[in-house]
N, C-alpha and C. Protein backbone atom coordinates (compact mmCIF):
# COMPACT_ATOMS: atom_id res chain seq x y z
N MET A 1 -183.51 166.10 -103.32
CA MET A 1 -183.59 164.64 -103.39
C MET A 1 -184.99 164.14 -102.99
N LYS A 2 -185.56 164.77 -101.95
CA LYS A 2 -186.90 164.36 -101.51
C LYS A 2 -187.93 164.57 -102.61
N LYS A 3 -187.86 165.72 -103.28
CA LYS A 3 -188.82 166.01 -104.34
C LYS A 3 -188.79 164.94 -105.42
N ASN A 4 -187.58 164.54 -105.81
CA ASN A 4 -187.42 163.51 -106.84
C ASN A 4 -188.07 162.20 -106.39
N ASN A 5 -187.86 161.85 -105.12
CA ASN A 5 -188.42 160.62 -104.57
C ASN A 5 -189.96 160.66 -104.61
N GLN A 6 -190.53 161.79 -104.22
CA GLN A 6 -191.98 161.93 -104.19
C GLN A 6 -192.57 161.78 -105.59
N THR A 7 -191.99 162.48 -106.56
CA THR A 7 -192.52 162.40 -107.93
C THR A 7 -192.38 160.98 -108.46
N ASN A 8 -191.31 160.28 -108.04
CA ASN A 8 -191.11 158.89 -108.45
C ASN A 8 -192.27 158.02 -108.00
N TYR A 9 -192.68 158.17 -106.74
CA TYR A 9 -193.79 157.36 -106.22
C TYR A 9 -195.08 157.64 -106.99
N VAL A 10 -195.36 158.92 -107.20
CA VAL A 10 -196.58 159.29 -107.91
C VAL A 10 -196.52 158.79 -109.36
N ALA A 11 -195.36 158.95 -110.00
CA ALA A 11 -195.20 158.50 -111.39
C ALA A 11 -195.36 156.99 -111.49
N ALA A 12 -194.77 156.27 -110.53
CA ALA A 12 -194.89 154.81 -110.51
C ALA A 12 -196.36 154.42 -110.32
N GLY A 13 -197.03 155.12 -109.40
CA GLY A 13 -198.46 154.86 -109.15
C GLY A 13 -199.30 155.10 -110.39
N ILE A 14 -199.01 156.20 -111.09
CA ILE A 14 -199.76 156.52 -112.31
C ILE A 14 -199.51 155.46 -113.38
N ALA A 15 -198.25 155.02 -113.50
CA ALA A 15 -197.91 153.99 -114.49
C ALA A 15 -198.67 152.70 -114.20
N ILE A 16 -198.67 152.29 -112.92
CA ILE A 16 -199.41 151.08 -112.52
C ILE A 16 -200.91 151.29 -112.78
N GLY A 17 -201.40 152.46 -112.37
CA GLY A 17 -202.82 152.78 -112.53
C GLY A 17 -203.26 152.80 -113.98
N THR A 18 -202.38 153.29 -114.86
CA THR A 18 -202.71 153.32 -116.28
C THR A 18 -202.90 151.90 -116.80
N GLY A 19 -202.03 150.99 -116.35
CA GLY A 19 -202.16 149.58 -116.72
C GLY A 19 -203.47 149.00 -116.22
N ILE A 20 -203.79 149.28 -114.95
CA ILE A 20 -205.05 148.81 -114.36
C ILE A 20 -206.22 149.40 -115.14
N GLY A 21 -206.14 150.70 -115.41
CA GLY A 21 -207.20 151.40 -116.12
C GLY A 21 -207.43 150.85 -117.51
N ALA A 22 -206.33 150.54 -118.20
CA ALA A 22 -206.45 149.96 -119.55
C ALA A 22 -207.15 148.61 -119.47
N THR A 23 -206.80 147.83 -118.45
CA THR A 23 -207.43 146.51 -118.26
C THR A 23 -208.92 146.67 -117.99
N ILE A 24 -209.25 147.61 -117.08
CA ILE A 24 -210.67 147.88 -116.78
C ILE A 24 -211.38 148.36 -118.04
N GLY A 25 -210.73 149.28 -118.77
CA GLY A 25 -211.31 149.83 -119.99
C GLY A 25 -211.61 148.76 -121.02
N VAL A 26 -210.69 147.82 -121.19
CA VAL A 26 -210.90 146.72 -122.15
C VAL A 26 -212.05 145.84 -121.67
N ALA A 27 -212.06 145.55 -120.36
CA ALA A 27 -213.12 144.71 -119.80
C ALA A 27 -214.49 145.37 -119.97
N MET A 28 -214.54 146.70 -119.77
CA MET A 28 -215.80 147.44 -119.89
C MET A 28 -216.09 147.82 -121.34
N GLU A 29 -215.09 147.61 -122.22
CA GLU A 29 -215.17 148.05 -123.61
C GLU A 29 -215.38 149.55 -123.68
N ASN A 30 -214.72 150.27 -122.77
CA ASN A 30 -214.82 151.73 -122.76
C ASN A 30 -213.53 152.31 -122.19
N LEU A 31 -212.53 152.51 -123.05
CA LEU A 31 -211.22 153.03 -122.61
C LEU A 31 -211.33 154.47 -122.11
N ALA A 32 -212.31 155.23 -122.62
CA ALA A 32 -212.46 156.63 -122.22
C ALA A 32 -212.74 156.74 -120.73
N ILE A 33 -213.38 155.72 -120.14
CA ILE A 33 -213.63 155.72 -118.70
C ILE A 33 -212.50 155.01 -117.97
N GLY A 34 -212.07 153.88 -118.48
CA GLY A 34 -211.09 153.03 -117.80
C GLY A 34 -209.76 153.69 -117.55
N ILE A 35 -209.19 154.34 -118.57
CA ILE A 35 -207.84 154.91 -118.41
C ILE A 35 -207.81 156.06 -117.41
N PRO A 36 -208.69 157.08 -117.51
CA PRO A 36 -208.65 158.15 -116.50
C PRO A 36 -208.89 157.62 -115.09
N LEU A 37 -209.78 156.63 -114.97
CA LEU A 37 -210.05 156.00 -113.67
C LEU A 37 -208.77 155.37 -113.14
N GLY A 38 -208.07 154.64 -113.99
CA GLY A 38 -206.82 153.99 -113.60
C GLY A 38 -205.75 154.99 -113.21
N VAL A 39 -205.64 156.09 -113.95
CA VAL A 39 -204.66 157.13 -113.63
C VAL A 39 -204.97 157.73 -112.27
N ALA A 40 -206.26 157.98 -112.00
CA ALA A 40 -206.67 158.54 -110.71
C ALA A 40 -206.34 157.57 -109.58
N ILE A 41 -206.64 156.29 -109.78
CA ILE A 41 -206.32 155.26 -108.78
C ILE A 41 -204.81 155.22 -108.56
N GLY A 42 -204.06 155.23 -109.66
CA GLY A 42 -202.60 155.17 -109.59
C GLY A 42 -202.00 156.35 -108.85
N ALA A 43 -202.51 157.55 -109.13
CA ALA A 43 -202.03 158.75 -108.44
C ALA A 43 -202.33 158.62 -106.95
N GLY A 44 -203.50 158.09 -106.62
CA GLY A 44 -203.86 157.86 -105.22
C GLY A 44 -202.92 156.89 -104.54
N ILE A 45 -202.62 155.78 -105.22
CA ILE A 45 -201.69 154.79 -104.68
C ILE A 45 -200.32 155.43 -104.46
N GLY A 46 -199.83 156.16 -105.45
CA GLY A 46 -198.53 156.81 -105.35
C GLY A 46 -198.48 157.79 -104.20
N PHE A 47 -199.57 158.56 -104.02
CA PHE A 47 -199.64 159.55 -102.94
C PHE A 47 -199.62 158.85 -101.58
N VAL A 48 -200.38 157.77 -101.45
CA VAL A 48 -200.43 157.01 -100.19
C VAL A 48 -199.06 156.44 -99.86
N LEU A 49 -198.38 155.87 -100.86
CA LEU A 49 -197.03 155.32 -100.65
C LEU A 49 -196.08 156.42 -100.19
N LYS A 50 -196.17 157.59 -100.83
CA LYS A 50 -195.32 158.73 -100.48
C LYS A 50 -195.57 159.14 -99.03
N GLU A 51 -196.83 159.23 -98.63
CA GLU A 51 -197.18 159.64 -97.27
C GLU A 51 -196.70 158.61 -96.25
N LYS A 52 -196.85 157.33 -96.55
CA LYS A 52 -196.41 156.27 -95.64
C LYS A 52 -194.91 156.36 -95.40
N LYS A 53 -194.15 156.60 -96.47
CA LYS A 53 -192.69 156.71 -96.36
C LYS A 53 -192.33 157.88 -95.45
N ARG A 54 -193.05 158.98 -95.58
CA ARG A 54 -192.72 160.20 -94.84
C ARG A 54 -193.01 160.04 -93.35
N THR A 55 -194.09 159.35 -93.00
CA THR A 55 -194.48 159.23 -91.59
C THR A 55 -193.61 158.23 -90.83
N ARG A 56 -192.93 157.35 -91.55
CA ARG A 56 -192.13 156.32 -90.90
C ARG A 56 -190.96 156.90 -90.14
């Protein structure tokens, strides 16, 4: 059950990050940079959320 929860946070973070990245990419007119950047940010957010939940 814990594993499923962890992957959920990371997946949610990546999904959010992809949206952010697409927005950045459109603004910069360079999706090749924006989307990977957003995915990286999203994975980071998901990981942080996962860690916060665990330490509580």
